[in-house]
PDB file of N, CA and C in Angstrom:
ATOM      1  N   MET A   1       0.821  -1.196   0.000  1.00  0.00           N
ATOM      2  CA  MET A   1       0.000   0.000   0.000  1.00  0.00           C
ATOM      3  C   MET A   1       0.866   1.262   0.000  1.00  0.00           C
ATOM      4  N   GLU A   2       1.981   1.193   0.667  1.00  0.00           N
ATOM      5  CA  GLU A   2       2.872   2.347   0.748  1.00  0.00           C
ATOM      6  C   GLU A   2       3.431   2.722  -0.625  1.00  0.00           C
ATOM      7  N   ASP A   3       3.666   1.726  -1.471  1.00  0.00           N
ATOM      8  CA  ASP A   3       4.161   2.001  -2.816  1.00  0.00           C
ATOM      9  C   ASP A   3       3.135   2.787  -3.629  1.00  0.00           C
ATOM     10  N   PHE A   4       1.859   2.459  -3.453  1.00  0.00           N
ATOM     11  CA  PHE A   4       0.813   3.170  -4.178  1.00  0.00           C
ATOM     12  C   PHE A   4       0.688   4.611  -3.700  1.00  0.00           C
ATOM     13  N   GLN A   5       0.909   4.835  -2.419  1.00  0.00           N
ATOM     14  CA  GLN A   5       0.878   6.201  -1.902  1.00  0.00           C
ATOM     15  C   GLN A   5       2.012   7.029  -2.499  1.00  0.00           C
ATOM     16  N   LEU A   6       3.199   6.438  -2.593  1.00  0.00           N
ATOM     17  CA  LEU A   6       4.325   7.147  -3.204  1.00  0.00           C
ATOM     18  C   LEU A   6       4.053   7.401  -4.680  1.00  0.00           C
ATOM     19  N   LEU A   7       3.488   6.425  -5.361  1.00  0.00           N
ATOM     20  CA  LEU A   7       3.151   6.606  -6.775  1.00  0.00           C
ATOM     21  C   LEU A   7       2.124   7.722  -6.942  1.00  0.00           C
ATOM     22  N   TYR A   8       1.122   7.773  -6.062  1.00  0.00           N
ATOM     23  CA  TYR A   8       0.128   8.843  -6.120  1.00  0.00           C
ATOM     24  C   TYR A   8       0.785  10.201  -5.921  1.00  0.00           C
ATOM     25  N   LYS A   9       1.695  10.292  -4.968  1.00  0.00           N
ATOM     26  CA  LYS A   9       2.391  11.549  -4.711  1.00  0.00           C
ATOM     27  C   LYS A   9       3.210  11.974  -5.930  1.00  0.00           C
ATOM     28  N   ILE A  10       3.870  11.017  -6.553  1.00  0.00           N
ATOM     29  CA  ILE A  10       4.663  11.330  -7.743  1.00  0.00           C
ATOM     30  C   ILE A  10       3.756  11.825  -8.870  1.00  0.00           C
ATOM     31  N   LEU A  11       2.666  11.120  -9.112  1.00  0.00           N
ATOM     32  CA  LEU A  11       1.750  11.521 -10.187  1.00  0.00           C
ATOM     33  C   LEU A  11       1.103  12.870  -9.915  1.00  0.00           C
ATOM     34  N   PHE A  12       0.734  13.124  -8.672  1.00  0.00           N
ATOM     35  CA  PHE A  12       0.129  14.405  -8.312  1.00  0.00           C
ATOM     36  C   PHE A  12       1.107  15.554  -8.553  1.00  0.00           C
ATOM     37  N   SER A  13       2.345  15.378  -8.108  1.00  0.00           N
ATOM     38  CA  SER A  13       3.337  16.447  -8.300  1.00  0.00           C
ATOM     39  C   SER A  13       3.676  16.624  -9.776  1.00  0.00           C
ATOM     40  N   LEU A  14       3.709  15.532 -10.535  1.00  0.00           N
ATOM     41  CA  LEU A  14       3.966  15.646 -11.971  1.00  0.00           C
ATOM     42  C   LEU A  14       2.842  16.397 -12.677  1.00  0.00           C
ATOM     43  N   GLY A  15       1.614  16.142 -12.266  1.00  0.00           N
ATOM     44  CA  GLY A  15       0.473  16.839 -12.870  1.00  0.00           C
ATOM     45  C   GLY A  15       0.510  18.336 -12.625  1.00  0.00           C
ATOM     46  N   ILE A  16       0.765  18.718 -11.386  1.00  0.00           N
ATOM     47  CA  ILE A  16       0.831  20.141 -11.056  1.00  0.00           C
ATOM     48  C   ILE A  16       1.964  20.818 -11.821  1.00  0.00           C
ATOM     49  N   SER A  17       3.120  20.218 -11.789  1.00  0.00           N
ATOM     50  CA  SER A  17       4.290  20.838 -12.423  1.00  0.00           C
ATOM     51  C   SER A  17       4.194  20.820 -13.948  1.00  0.00           C
ATOM     52  N   PHE A  18       3.464  19.857 -14.493  1.00  0.00           N
ATOM     53  CA  PHE A  18       3.290  19.811 -15.947  1.00  0.00           C
ATOM     54  C   PHE A  18       2.523  21.037 -16.440  1.00  0.00           C
ATOM     55  N   ILE A  19       1.488  21.445 -15.707  1.00  0.00           N
ATOM     56  CA  ILE A  19       0.730  22.624 -16.157  1.00  0.00           C
ATOM     57  C   ILE A  19       1.569  23.901 -16.023  1.00  0.00           C
ATOM     58  N   ILE A  20       2.435  23.942 -15.019  1.00  0.00           N
ATOM     59  CA  ILE A  20       3.338  25.094 -14.888  1.00  0.00           C
ATOM     60  C   ILE A  20       4.299  25.118 -16.067  1.00  0.00           C
ATOM     61  N   GLY A  21       4.861  23.976 -16.398  1.00  0.00           N
ATOM     62  CA  GLY A  21       5.774  23.884 -17.538  1.00  0.00           C
ATOM     63  C   GLY A  21       5.096  24.196 -18.859  1.00  0.00           C
ATOM     64  N   MET A  22       3.840  23.772 -19.004  1.00  0.00           N
ATOM     65  CA  MET A  22       3.099  24.092 -20.236  1.00  0.00           C
ATOM     66  C   MET A  22       2.926  25.593 -20.385  1.00  0.00           C
ATOM     67  N   GLU A  23       2.640  26.264 -19.290  1.00  0.00           N
ATOM     68  CA  GLU A  23       2.473  27.714 -19.355  1.00  0.00           C
ATOM     69  C   GLU A  23       3.780  28.385 -19.751  1.00  0.00           C
ATOM     70  N   ARG A  24       4.877  27.947 -19.171  1.00  0.00           N
ATOM     71  CA  ARG A  24       6.182  28.546 -19.490  1.00  0.00           C
ATOM     72  C   ARG A  24       6.531  28.326 -20.952  1.00  0.00           C
ATOM     73  N   GLU A  25       6.268  27.153 -21.464  1.00  0.00           N
ATOM     74  CA  GLU A  25       6.604  26.864 -22.850  1.00  0.00           C
ATOM     75  C   GLU A  25       5.649  27.562 -23.814  1.00  0.00           C
ATOM     76  N   TYR A  26       4.410  27.696 -23.434  1.00  0.00           N
ATOM     77  CA  TYR A  26       3.429  28.367 -24.282  1.00  0.00           C
ATOM     78  C   TYR A  26       3.802  29.832 -24.494  1.00  0.00           C
ATOM     79  N   LYS A  27       4.307  30.476 -23.461  1.00  0.00           N
ATOM     80  CA  LYS A  27       4.665  31.890 -23.547  1.00  0.00           C
ATOM     81  C   LYS A  27       6.021  32.131 -24.206  1.00  0.00           C
ATOM     82  N   ALA A  28       6.849  31.117 -24.309  1.00  0.00           N
ATOM     83  CA  ALA A  28       8.227  31.304 -24.783  1.00  0.00           C
ATOM     84  C   ALA A  28       8.255  31.637 -26.269  1.00  0.00           C
ATOM     85  N   LYS A  29       9.018  32.645 -26.588  1.00  0.00           N
ATOM     86  CA  LYS A  29       9.239  33.010 -27.985  1.00  0.00           C
ATOM     87  C   LYS A  29      10.578  32.470 -28.485  1.00  0.00           C
ATOM     88  N   GLU A  30      11.418  32.070 -27.545  1.00  0.00           N
ATOM     89  CA  GLU A  30      12.734  31.532 -27.886  1.00  0.00           C
ATOM     90  C   GLU A  30      13.086  30.470 -26.857  1.00  0.00           C
ATOM     91  N   ASP A  31      14.325  30.022 -26.849  1.00  0.00           N
ATOM     92  CA  ASP A  31      14.751  28.998 -25.903  1.00  0.00           C
ATOM     93  C   ASP A  31      14.510  29.453 -24.472  1.00  0.00           C
ATOM     94  N   ILE A  32      14.069  28.514 -23.661  1.00  0.00           N
ATOM     95  CA  ILE A  32      13.783  28.817 -22.268  1.00  0.00           C
ATOM     96  C   ILE A  32      14.569  27.881 -21.361  1.00  0.00           C
ATOM     97  N   PHE A  33      14.734  28.318 -20.136  1.00  0.00           N
ATOM     98  CA  PHE A  33      15.475  27.559 -19.133  1.00  0.00           C
ATOM     99  C   PHE A  33      14.724  26.290 -18.726  1.00  0.00           C
ATOM    100  N   ALA A  34      13.439  26.404 -18.507  1.00  0.00           N
ATOM    101  CA  ALA A  34      12.644  25.262 -18.057  1.00  0.00           C
ATOM    102  C   ALA A  34      11.287  25.306 -18.727  1.00  0.00           C
ATOM    103  N   GLY A  35      10.794  24.125 -19.066  1.00  0.00           N
ATOM    104  CA  GLY A  35       9.511  24.059 -19.744  1.00  0.00           C
ATOM    105  C   GLY A  35       8.729  22.830 -19.330  1.00  0.00           C
ATOM    106  N   VAL A  36       8.032  22.266 -20.278  1.00  0.00           N
ATOM    107  CA  VAL A  36       7.090  21.191 -20.012  1.00  0.00           C
ATOM    108  C   VAL A  36       7.786  19.903 -19.554  1.00  0.00           C
ATOM    109  N   ARG A  37       9.046  19.735 -19.859  1.00  0.00           N
ATOM    110  CA  ARG A  37       9.775  18.555 -19.378  1.00  0.00           C
ATOM    111  C   ARG A  37      10.534  18.840 -18.093  1.00  0.00           C
ATOM    112  N   THR A  38      11.096  20.032 -17.975  1.00  0.00           N
ATOM    113  CA  THR A  38      11.963  20.340 -16.846  1.00  0.00           C
ATOM    114  C   THR A  38      11.180  20.548 -15.551  1.00  0.00           C
ATOM    115  N   PHE A  39      10.062  21.239 -15.605  1.00  0.00           N
ATOM    116  CA  PHE A  39       9.291  21.482 -14.386  1.00  0.00           C
ATOM    117  C   PHE A  39       8.828  20.180 -13.724  1.00  0.00           C
ATOM    118  N   PRO A  40       8.282  19.212 -14.478  1.00  0.00           N
ATOM    119  CA  PRO A  40       7.946  17.941 -13.820  1.00  0.00           C
ATOM    120  C   PRO A  40       9.161  17.222 -13.233  1.00  0.00           C
ATOM    121  N   LEU A  41      10.291  17.312 -13.898  1.00  0.00           N
ATOM    122  CA  LEU A  41      11.497  16.683 -13.352  1.00  0.00           C
ATOM    123  C   LEU A  41      11.919  17.344 -12.044  1.00  0.00           C
ATOM    124  N   ILE A  42      11.762  18.635 -11.960  1.00  0.00           N
ATOM    125  CA  ILE A  42      12.123  19.346 -10.731  1.00  0.00           C
ATOM    126  C   ILE A  42      11.177  18.959  -9.592  1.00  0.00           C
ATOM    127  N   ALA A  43       9.887  18.862  -9.871  1.00  0.00           N
ATOM    128  CA  ALA A  43       8.936  18.430  -8.841  1.00  0.00           C
ATOM    129  C   ALA A  43       9.215  16.982  -8.439  1.00  0.00           C
ATOM    130  N   LEU A  44       9.543  16.149  -9.412  1.00  0.00           N
ATOM    131  CA  LEU A  44       9.898  14.765  -9.115  1.00  0.00           C
ATOM    132  C   LEU A  44      11.127  14.702  -8.213  1.00  0.00           C
ATOM    133  N   LEU A  45      12.099  15.554  -8.477  1.00  0.00           N
ATOM    134  CA  LEU A  45      13.279  15.637  -7.617  1.00  0.00           C
ATOM    135  C   LEU A  45      12.884  16.010  -6.189  1.00  0.00           C
ATOM    136  N   GLY A  46      11.921  16.914  -6.040  1.00  0.00           N
ATOM    137  CA  GLY A  46      11.442  17.287  -4.714  1.00  0.00           C
ATOM    138  C   GLY A  46      10.805  16.120  -3.981  1.00  0.00           C
ATOM    139  N   VAL A  47       9.978  15.349  -4.688  1.00  0.00           N
ATOM    140  CA  VAL A  47       9.309  14.204  -4.071  1.00  0.00           C
ATOM    141  C   VAL A  47      10.319  13.116  -3.712  1.00  0.00           C
ATOM    142  N   ILE A  48      11.172  12.763  -4.652  1.00  0.00           N
ATOM    143  CA  ILE A  48      12.125  11.669  -4.434  1.00  0.00           C
ATOM    144  C   ILE A  48      13.158  12.036  -3.369  1.00  0.00           C
ATOM    145  N   SER A  49      13.659  13.265  -3.402  1.00  0.00           N
ATOM    146  CA  SER A  49      14.641  13.653  -2.380  1.00  0.00           C
ATOM    147  C   SER A  49      13.989  13.728  -0.998  1.00  0.00           C
ATOM    148  N   SER A  50      12.713  14.079  -0.924  1.00  0.00           N
ATOM    149  CA  SER A  50      12.001  14.051   0.358  1.00  0.00           C
ATOM    150  C   SER A  50      11.845  12.617   0.849  1.00  0.00           C
ATOM    151  N   PHE A  51      11.502  11.732  -0.067  1.00  0.00           N
ATOM    152  CA  PHE A  51      11.372  10.311   0.282  1.00  0.00           C
ATOM    153  C   PHE A  51      12.699   9.755   0.791  1.00  0.00           C
ATOM    154  N   LEU A  52      13.754   9.995   0.042  1.00  0.00           N
ATOM    155  CA  LEU A  52      15.067   9.497   0.449  1.00  0.00           C
ATOM    156  C   LEU A  52      15.554  10.163   1.734  1.00  0.00           C
ATOM    157  N   GLY A  53      15.256  11.454   1.879  1.00  0.00           N
ATOM    158  CA  GLY A  53      15.640  12.156   3.093  1.00  0.00           C
ATOM    159  C   GLY A  53      14.939  11.623   4.326  1.00  0.00           C
ATOM    160  N   GLU A  54      13.682  11.260   4.175  1.00  0.00           N
ATOM    161  CA  GLU A  54      12.931  10.718   5.302  1.00  0.00           C
ATOM    162  C   GLU A  54      13.383   9.297   5.651  1.00  0.00           C
ATOM    163  N   ARG A  55      13.723   8.533   4.634  1.00  0.00           N
ATOM    164  CA  ARG A  55      14.085   7.132   4.849  1.00  0.00           C
ATOM    165  C   ARG A  55      15.545   6.917   5.228  1.00  0.00           C
ATOM    166  N   TYR A  56      16.437   7.658   4.573  1.00  0.00           N
ATOM    167  CA  TYR A  56      17.850   7.331   4.702  1.00  0.00           C
ATOM    168  C   TYR A  56      18.698   8.448   5.298  1.00  0.00           C
ATOM    169  N   TRP A  57      18.691   9.592   4.641  1.00  0.00           N
ATOM    170  CA  TRP A  57      19.572  10.671   5.091  1.00  0.00           C
ATOM    171  C   TRP A  57      18.944  12.003   4.733  1.00  0.00           C
ATOM    172  N   GLU A  58      18.659  12.811   5.736  1.00  0.00           N
ATOM    173  CA  GLU A  58      17.970  14.080   5.527  1.00  0.00           C
ATOM    174  C   GLU A  58      18.765  15.045   4.647  1.00  0.00           C
ATOM    175  N   GLY A  59      20.065  14.903   4.643  1.00  0.00           N
ATOM    176  CA  GLY A  59      20.920  15.797   3.876  1.00  0.00           C
ATOM    177  C   GLY A  59      20.680  15.756   2.377  1.00  0.00           C
ATOM    178  N   ILE A  60      20.136  14.651   1.873  1.00  0.00           N
ATOM    179  CA  ILE A  60      19.900  14.537   0.428  1.00  0.00           C
ATOM    180  C   ILE A  60      18.894  15.581  -0.040  1.00  0.00           C
ATOM    181  N   LEU A  61      17.927  15.911   0.805  1.00  0.00           N
ATOM    182  CA  LEU A  61      16.950  16.942   0.449  1.00  0.00           C
ATOM    183  C   LEU A  61      17.631  18.302   0.314  1.00  0.00           C
ATOM    184  N   TYR A  62      18.513  18.601   1.231  1.00  0.00           N
ATOM    185  CA  TYR A  62      19.220  19.885   1.192  1.00  0.00           C
ATOM    186  C   TYR A  62      20.177  19.963   0.006  1.00  0.00           C
ATOM    187  N   ILE A  63      20.818  18.866  -0.290  1.00  0.00           N
ATOM    188  CA  ILE A  63      21.726  18.835  -1.444  1.00  0.00           C
ATOM    189  C   ILE A  63      20.942  19.012  -2.742  1.00  0.00           C
ATOM    190  N   ALA A  64      19.793  18.347  -2.847  1.00  0.00           N
ATOM    191  CA  ALA A  64      18.973  18.474  -4.054  1.00  0.00           C
ATOM    192  C   ALA A  64      18.479  19.912  -4.217  1.00  0.00           C
ATOM    193  N   PHE A  65      18.013  20.511  -3.123  1.00  0.00           N
ATOM    194  CA  PHE A  65      17.545  21.895  -3.201  1.00  0.00           C
ATOM    195  C   PHE A  65      18.692  22.840  -3.551  1.00  0.00           C
ATOM    196  N   ALA A  66      19.859  22.606  -2.970  1.00  0.00           N
ATOM    197  CA  ALA A  66      21.025  23.435  -3.295  1.00  0.00           C
ATOM    198  C   ALA A  66      21.395  23.296  -4.769  1.00  0.00           C
ATOM    199  N   GLY A  67      21.266  22.102  -5.325  1.00  0.00           N
ATOM    200  CA  GLY A  67      21.530  21.904  -6.752  1.00  0.00           C
ATOM    201  C   GLY A  67      20.560  22.674  -7.628  1.00  0.00           C
ATOM    202  N   VAL A  68      19.289  22.665  -7.262  1.00  0.00           N
ATOM    203  CA  VAL A  68      18.283  23.416  -8.026  1.00  0.00           C
ATOM    204  C   VAL A  68      18.563  24.912  -7.935  1.00  0.00           C
ATOM    205  N   VAL A  69      18.913  25.384  -6.746  1.00  0.00           N
ATOM    206  CA  VAL A  69      19.264  26.793  -6.571  1.00  0.00           C
ATOM    207  C   VAL A  69      20.482  27.138  -7.405  1.00  0.00           C
ATOM    208  N   LEU A  70      21.482  26.269  -7.399  1.00  0.00           N
ATOM    209  CA  LEU A  70      22.704  26.509  -8.163  1.00  0.00           C
ATOM    210  C   LEU A  70      22.417  26.603  -9.663  1.00  0.00           C
ATOM    211  N   PHE A  71      21.644  25.670 -10.189  1.00  0.00           N
ATOM    212  CA  PHE A  71      21.306  25.718 -11.619  1.00  0.00           C
ATOM    213  C   PHE A  71      20.477  26.954 -11.959  1.00  0.00           C
ATOM    214  N   SER A  72      19.577  27.340 -11.070  1.00  0.00           N
ATOM    215  CA  SER A  72      18.773  28.540 -11.304  1.00  0.00           C
ATOM    216  C   SER A  72      19.640  29.790 -11.311  1.00  0.00           C
ATOM    217  N   LEU A  73      20.549  29.884 -10.350  1.00  0.00           N
ATOM    218  CA  LEU A  73      21.459  31.032 -10.315  1.00  0.00           C
ATOM    219  C   LEU A  73      22.372  31.067 -11.535  1.00  0.00           C
ATOM    220  N   LEU A  74      22.860  29.923 -11.916  1.00  0.00           N
ATOM    221  CA  LEU A  74      23.726  29.846 -13.095  1.00  0.00           C
ATOM    222  C   LEU A  74      22.978  30.305 -14.345  1.00  0.00           C
ATOM    223  N   ASN A  75      21.750  29.842 -14.506  1.00  0.00           N
ATOM    224  CA  ASN A  75      20.963  30.279 -15.658  1.00  0.00           C
ATOM    225  C   ASN A  75      20.678  31.767 -15.605  1.00  0.00           C
ATOM    226  N   PHE A  76      20.372  32.281 -14.428  1.00  0.00           N
ATOM    227  CA  PHE A  76      20.088  33.705 -14.301  1.00  0.00           C
ATOM    228  C   PHE A  76      21.291  34.534 -14.740  1.00  0.00           C
ATOM    229  N   TYR A  77      22.472  34.156 -14.295  1.00  0.00           N
ATOM    230  CA  TYR A  77      23.657  34.936 -14.654  1.00  0.00           C
ATOM    231  C   TYR A  77      24.044  34.752 -16.117  1.00  0.00           C
ATOM    232  N   LEU A  78      23.792  33.582 -16.686  1.00  0.00           N
ATOM    233  CA  LEU A  78      24.083  33.385 -18.108  1.00  0.00           C
ATOM    234  C   LEU A  78      23.115  34.154 -18.998  1.00  0.00           C
ATOM    235  N   GLU A  79      21.886  34.317 -18.537  1.00  0.00           N
ATOM    236  CA  GLU A  79      20.865  35.010 -19.316  1.00  0.00           C
ATOM    237  C   GLU A  79      20.692  36.467 -18.885  1.00  0.00           C
ATOM    238  N   TYR A  80      21.519  36.947 -17.989  1.00  0.00           N
ATOM    239  CA  TYR A  80      21.361  38.283 -17.419  1.00  0.00           C
ATOM    240  C   TYR A  80      21.391  39.373 -18.485  1.00  0.00           C
ATOM    241  N   SER A  81      22.226  39.196 -19.499  1.00  0.00           N
ATOM    242  CA  SER A  81      22.347  40.219 -20.543  1.00  0.00           C
ATOM    243  C   SER A  81      21.064  40.365 -21.371  1.00  0.00           C
ATOM    244  N   LYS A  82      20.223  39.328 -21.393  1.00  0.00           N
ATOM    245  CA  LYS A  82      18.974  39.393 -22.158  1.00  0.00           C
ATOM    246  C   LYS A  82      17.864  40.107 -21.386  1.00  0.00           C
ATOM    247  N   ASP A  83      18.111  40.388 -20.109  1.00  0.00           N
ATOM    248  CA  ASP A  83      17.178  41.134 -19.257  1.00  0.00           C
ATOM    249  C   ASP A  83      15.770  40.532 -19.283  1.00  0.00           C
ATOM    250  N   ARG A  84      15.677  39.251 -19.014  1.00  0.00           N
ATOM    251  CA  ARG A  84      14.393  38.570 -19.005  1.00  0.00           C
ATOM    252  C   ARG A  84      13.713  38.590 -17.644  1.00  0.00           C
ATOM    253  N   GLY A  85      14.461  38.836 -16.615  1.00  0.00           N
ATOM    254  CA  GLY A  85      13.912  38.775 -15.266  1.00  0.00           C
ATOM    255  C   GLY A  85      14.271  37.449 -14.612  1.00  0.00           C
ATOM    256  N   ILE A  86      13.696  37.240 -13.452  1.00  0.00           N
ATOM    257  CA  ILE A  86      14.041  36.055 -12.661  1.00  0.00           C
ATOM    258  C   ILE A  86      12.811  35.194 -12.379  1.00  0.00           C
ATOM    259  N   THR A  87      11.724  35.453 -13.060  1.00  0.00           N
ATOM    260  CA  THR A  87      10.465  34.766 -12.793  1.00  0.00           C
ATOM    261  C   THR A  87      10.568  33.254 -12.969  1.00  0.00           C
ATOM    262  N   THR A  88      11.158  32.802 -14.053  1.00  0.00           N
ATOM    263  CA  THR A  88      11.257  31.364 -14.292  1.00  0.00           C
ATOM    264  C   THR A  88      12.123  30.691 -13.243  1.00  0.00           C
ATOM    265  N   GLU A  89      13.210  31.327 -12.860  1.00  0.00           N
ATOM    266  CA  GLU A  89      14.092  30.738 -11.857  1.00  0.00           C
ATOM    267  C   GLU A  89      13.391  30.607 -10.508  1.00  0.00           C
ATOM    268  N   ILE A  90      12.630  31.613 -10.123  1.00  0.00           N
ATOM    269  CA  ILE A  90      11.861  31.541  -8.877  1.00  0.00           C
ATOM    270  C   ILE A  90      10.785  30.462  -8.989  1.00  0.00           C
ATOM    271  N   SER A  91      10.172  30.349 -10.158  1.00  0.00           N
ATOM    272  CA  SER A  91       9.161  29.319 -10.388  1.00  0.00           C
ATOM    273  C   SER A  91       9.751  27.925 -10.249  1.00  0.00           C
ATOM    274  N   VAL A  92      10.981  27.755 -10.674  1.00  0.00           N
ATOM    275  CA  VAL A  92      11.659  26.467 -10.538  1.00  0.00           C
ATOM    276  C   VAL A  92      11.820  26.112  -9.060  1.00  0.00           C
ATOM    277  N   LEU A  93      12.242  27.071  -8.251  1.00  0.00           N
ATOM    278  CA  LEU A  93      12.415  26.820  -6.820  1.00  0.00           C
ATOM    279  C   LEU A  93      11.076  26.484  -6.151  1.00  0.00           C
ATOM    280  N   ILE A  94      10.033  27.216  -6.529  1.00  0.00           N
ATOM    281  CA  ILE A  94       8.712  26.950  -5.960  1.00  0.00           C
ATOM    282  C   ILE A  94       8.216  25.565  -6.382  1.00  0.00           C
ATOM    283  N   THR A  95       8.492  25.176  -7.617  1.00  0.00           N
ATOM    284  CA  THR A  95       8.074  23.862  -8.100  1.00  0.00           C
ATOM    285  C   THR A  95       8.755  22.749  -7.315  1.00  0.00           C
ATOM    286  N   PHE A  96      10.025  22.921  -6.996  1.00  0.00           N
ATOM    287  CA  PHE A  96      10.717  21.945  -6.155  1.00  0.00           C
ATOM    288  C   PHE A  96      10.006  21.834  -4.805  1.00  0.00           C
ATOM    289  N   LEU A  97       9.671  22.972  -4.223  1.00  0.00           N
ATOM    290  CA  LEU A  97       9.010  22.977  -2.920  1.00  0.00           C
ATOM    291  C   LEU A  97       7.591  22.407  -2.998  1.00  0.00           C
ATOM    292  N   VAL A  98       6.938  22.556  -4.149  1.00  0.00           N
ATOM    293  CA  VAL A  98       5.636  21.917  -4.350  1.00  0.00           C
ATOM    294  C   VAL A  98       5.800  20.395  -4.288  1.00  0.00           C
ATOM    295  N   GLY A  99       6.844  19.883  -4.910  1.00  0.00           N
ATOM    296  CA  GLY A  99       7.125  18.446  -4.829  1.00  0.00           C
ATOM    297  C   GLY A  99       7.354  17.988  -3.401  1.00  0.00           C
ATOM    298  N   VAL A 100       8.071  18.781  -2.618  1.00  0.00           N
ATOM    299  CA  VAL A 100       8.305  18.463  -1.211  1.00  0.00           C
ATOM    300  C   VAL A 100       6.980  18.496  -0.440  1.00  0.00           C
ATOM    301  N   ALA A 101       6.164  19.497  -0.695  1.00  0.00           N
ATOM    302  CA  ALA A 101       4.869  19.605  -0.014  1.00  0.00           C
ATOM    303  C   ALA A 101       3.963  18.423  -0.352  1.00  0.00           C
ATOM    304  N   VAL A 102       3.975  17.999  -1.601  1.00  0.00           N
ATOM    305  CA  VAL A 102       3.163  16.842  -1.997  1.00  0.00           C
ATOM    306  C   VAL A 102       3.634  15.599  -1.254  1.00  0.00           C
ATOM    307  N   TYR A 103       4.927  15.416  -1.141  1.00  0.00           N
ATOM    308  CA  TYR A 103       5.421  14.238  -0.436  1.00  0.00           C
ATOM    309  C   TYR A 103       4.944  14.221   1.011  1.00  0.00           C
ATOM    310  N   HIS A 104       4.900  15.376   1.639  1.00  0.00           N
ATOM    311  CA  HIS A 104       4.467  15.455   3.035  1.00  0.00           C
ATOM    312  C   HIS A 104       2.950  15.584   3.169  1.00  0.00           C
ATOM    313  N   GLU A 105       2.247  15.300   2.079  1.00  0.00           N
ATOM    314  CA  GLU A 105       0.790  15.197   2.014  1.00  0.00           C
ATOM    315  C   GLU A 105       0.054  16.515   2.244  1.00  0.00           C
ATOM    316  N   TYR A 106       0.671  17.607   1.831  1.00  0.00           N
ATOM    317  CA  TYR A 106      -0.010  18.900   1.817  1.00  0.00           C
ATOM    318  C   TYR A 106      -0.569  19.123   0.409  1.00  0.00           C
ATOM    319  N   TYR A 107      -1.511  18.258   0.033  1.00  0.00           N
ATOM    320  CA  TYR A 107      -2.025  18.264  -1.337  1.00  0.00           C
ATOM    321  C   TYR A 107      -2.748  19.553  -1.696  1.00  0.00           C
ATOM    322  N   TYR A 108      -3.581  20.024  -0.794  1.00  0.00           N
ATOM    323  CA  TYR A 108      -4.336  21.242  -1.095  1.00  0.00           C
ATOM    324  C   TYR A 108      -3.422  22.450  -1.233  1.00  0.00           C
ATOM    325  N   ILE A 109      -2.454  22.543  -0.347  1.00  0.00           N
ATOM    326  CA  ILE A 109      -1.512  23.659  -0.419  1.00  0.00           C
ATOM    327  C   ILE A 109      -0.690  23.564  -1.695  1.00  0.00           C
ATOM    328  N   ALA A 110      -0.199  22.384  -2.002  1.00  0.00           N
ATOM    329  CA  ALA A 110       0.601  22.198  -3.209  1.00  0.00           C
ATOM    330  C   ALA A 110      -0.220  22.490  -4.464  1.00  0.00           C
ATOM    331  N   GLY A 111      -1.445  22.014  -4.488  1.00  0.00           N
ATOM    332  CA  GLY A 111      -2.315  22.280  -5.634  1.00  0.00           C
ATOM    333  C   GLY A 111      -2.618  23.756  -5.787  1.00  0.00           C
ATOM    334  N   PHE A 112      -2.927  24.410  -4.665  1.00  0.00           N
ATOM    335  CA  PHE A 112      -3.210  25.840  -4.711  1.00  0.00           C
ATOM    336  C   PHE A 112      -1.984  26.621  -5.177  1.00  0.00           C
ATOM    337  N   VAL A 113      -0.820  26.322  -4.615  1.00  0.00           N
ATOM    338  CA  VAL A 113       0.400  27.034  -5.002  1.00  0.00           C
ATOM    339  C   VAL A 113       0.701  26.802  -6.479  1.00  0.00           C
ATOM    340  N   GLY A 114       0.541  25.579  -6.957  1.00  0.00           N
ATOM    341  CA  GLY A 114       0.786  25.286  -8.370  1.00  0.00           C
ATOM    342  C   GLY A 114      -0.140  26.037  -9.303  1.00  0.00           C
ATOM    343  N   ILE A 115      -1.426  26.038  -8.993  1.00  0.00           N
ATOM    344  CA  ILE A 115      -2.407  26.755  -9.821  1.00  0.00           C
ATOM    345  C   ILE A 115      -2.172  28.260  -9.738  1.00  0.00           C
ATOM    346  N   PHE A 116      -1.906  28.752  -8.542  1.00  0.00           N
ATOM    347  CA  PHE A 116      -1.645  30.181  -8.375  1.00  0.00           C
ATOM    348  C   PHE A 116      -0.377  30.595  -9.123  1.00  0.00           C
ATOM    349  N   LEU A 117       0.652  29.773  -9.056  1.00  0.00           N
ATOM    350  CA  LEU A 117       1.886  30.061  -9.782  1.00  0.00           C
ATOM    351  C   LEU A 117       1.628  30.103 -11.285  1.00  0.00           C
ATOM    352  N   MET A 118       0.869  29.139 -11.789  1.00  0.00           N
ATOM    353  CA  MET A 118       0.551  29.151 -13.215  1.00  0.00           C
ATOM    354  C   MET A 118      -0.229  30.406 -13.579  1.00  0.00           C
ATOM    355  N   PHE A 119      -1.165  30.809 -12.736  1.00  0.00           N
ATOM    356  CA  PHE A 119      -1.948  32.014 -12.984  1.00  0.00           C
ATOM    357  C   PHE A 119      -1.044  33.254 -13.000  1.00  0.00           C
ATOM    358  N   ILE A 120      -0.166  33.367 -12.018  1.00  0.00           N
ATOM    359  CA  ILE A 120       0.753  34.518 -11.952  1.00  0.00           C
ATOM    360  C   ILE A 120       1.634  34.570 -13.199  1.00  0.00           C
ATOM    361  N   LEU A 121       2.102  33.424 -13.640  1.00  0.00           N
ATOM    362  CA  LEU A 121       2.951  33.392 -14.836  1.00  0.00           C
ATOM    363  C   LEU A 121       2.156  33.733 -16.089  1.00  0.00           C
ATOM    364  N   ALA A 122       0.873  33.373 -16.109  1.00  0.00           N
ATOM    365  CA  ALA A 122       0.068  33.571 -17.313  1.00  0.00           C
ATOM    366  C   ALA A 122      -0.435  34.995 -17.480  1.00  0.00           C
ATOM    367  N   ILE A 123      -0.506  35.786 -16.418  1.00  0.00           N
ATOM    368  CA  ILE A 123      -1.134  37.098 -16.551  1.00  0.00           C
ATOM    369  C   ILE A 123      -0.256  38.115 -17.277  1.00  0.00           C
ATOM    370  N   LYS A 124       1.024  37.859 -17.394  1.00  0.00           N
ATOM    371  CA  LYS A 124       1.878  38.801 -18.092  1.00  0.00           C
ATOM    372  C   LYS A 124       1.917  38.464 -19.585  1.00  0.00           C
ATOM    373  N   ASN A 125       1.694  39.480 -20.395  1.00  0.00           N
ATOM    374  CA  ASN A 125       1.791  39.289 -21.841  1.00  0.00           C
ATOM    375  C   ASN A 125       3.255  39.221 -22.256  1.00  0.00           C
ATOM    376  N   PRO A 126       3.572  38.328 -23.198  1.00  0.00           N
ATOM    377  CA  PRO A 126       4.983  38.218 -23.625  1.00  0.00           C
ATOM    378  C   PRO A 126       5.432  39.440 -24.391  1.00  0.00           C
TER     379      PRO A 126
END
């Protein structure tokens, strides 16, 4: 039964993050840092690192989050000259945390944050 609960958590986080990634890719006029494939992978990383952190070593969650922060910062500085802003990078960090929230069974909060994030990203015209 526990395996099905983990599978449900993974599918739930993938669903939320997929709609966020779809919005990012829909608005993109050129290459983007994260889209319909990357956002679900980031949420999956949040769920799996939470699972491993709870079972084996809590530090894996912190290392995974630090890696996501590092990649986001690296992308921000590489794209800084294009003056795009930092919205996608912040969205990536929030998506990771949505995956963590889903693992800890905060489904309503994770769902609300995911939908709200997609709405915030969608209201700006490209």
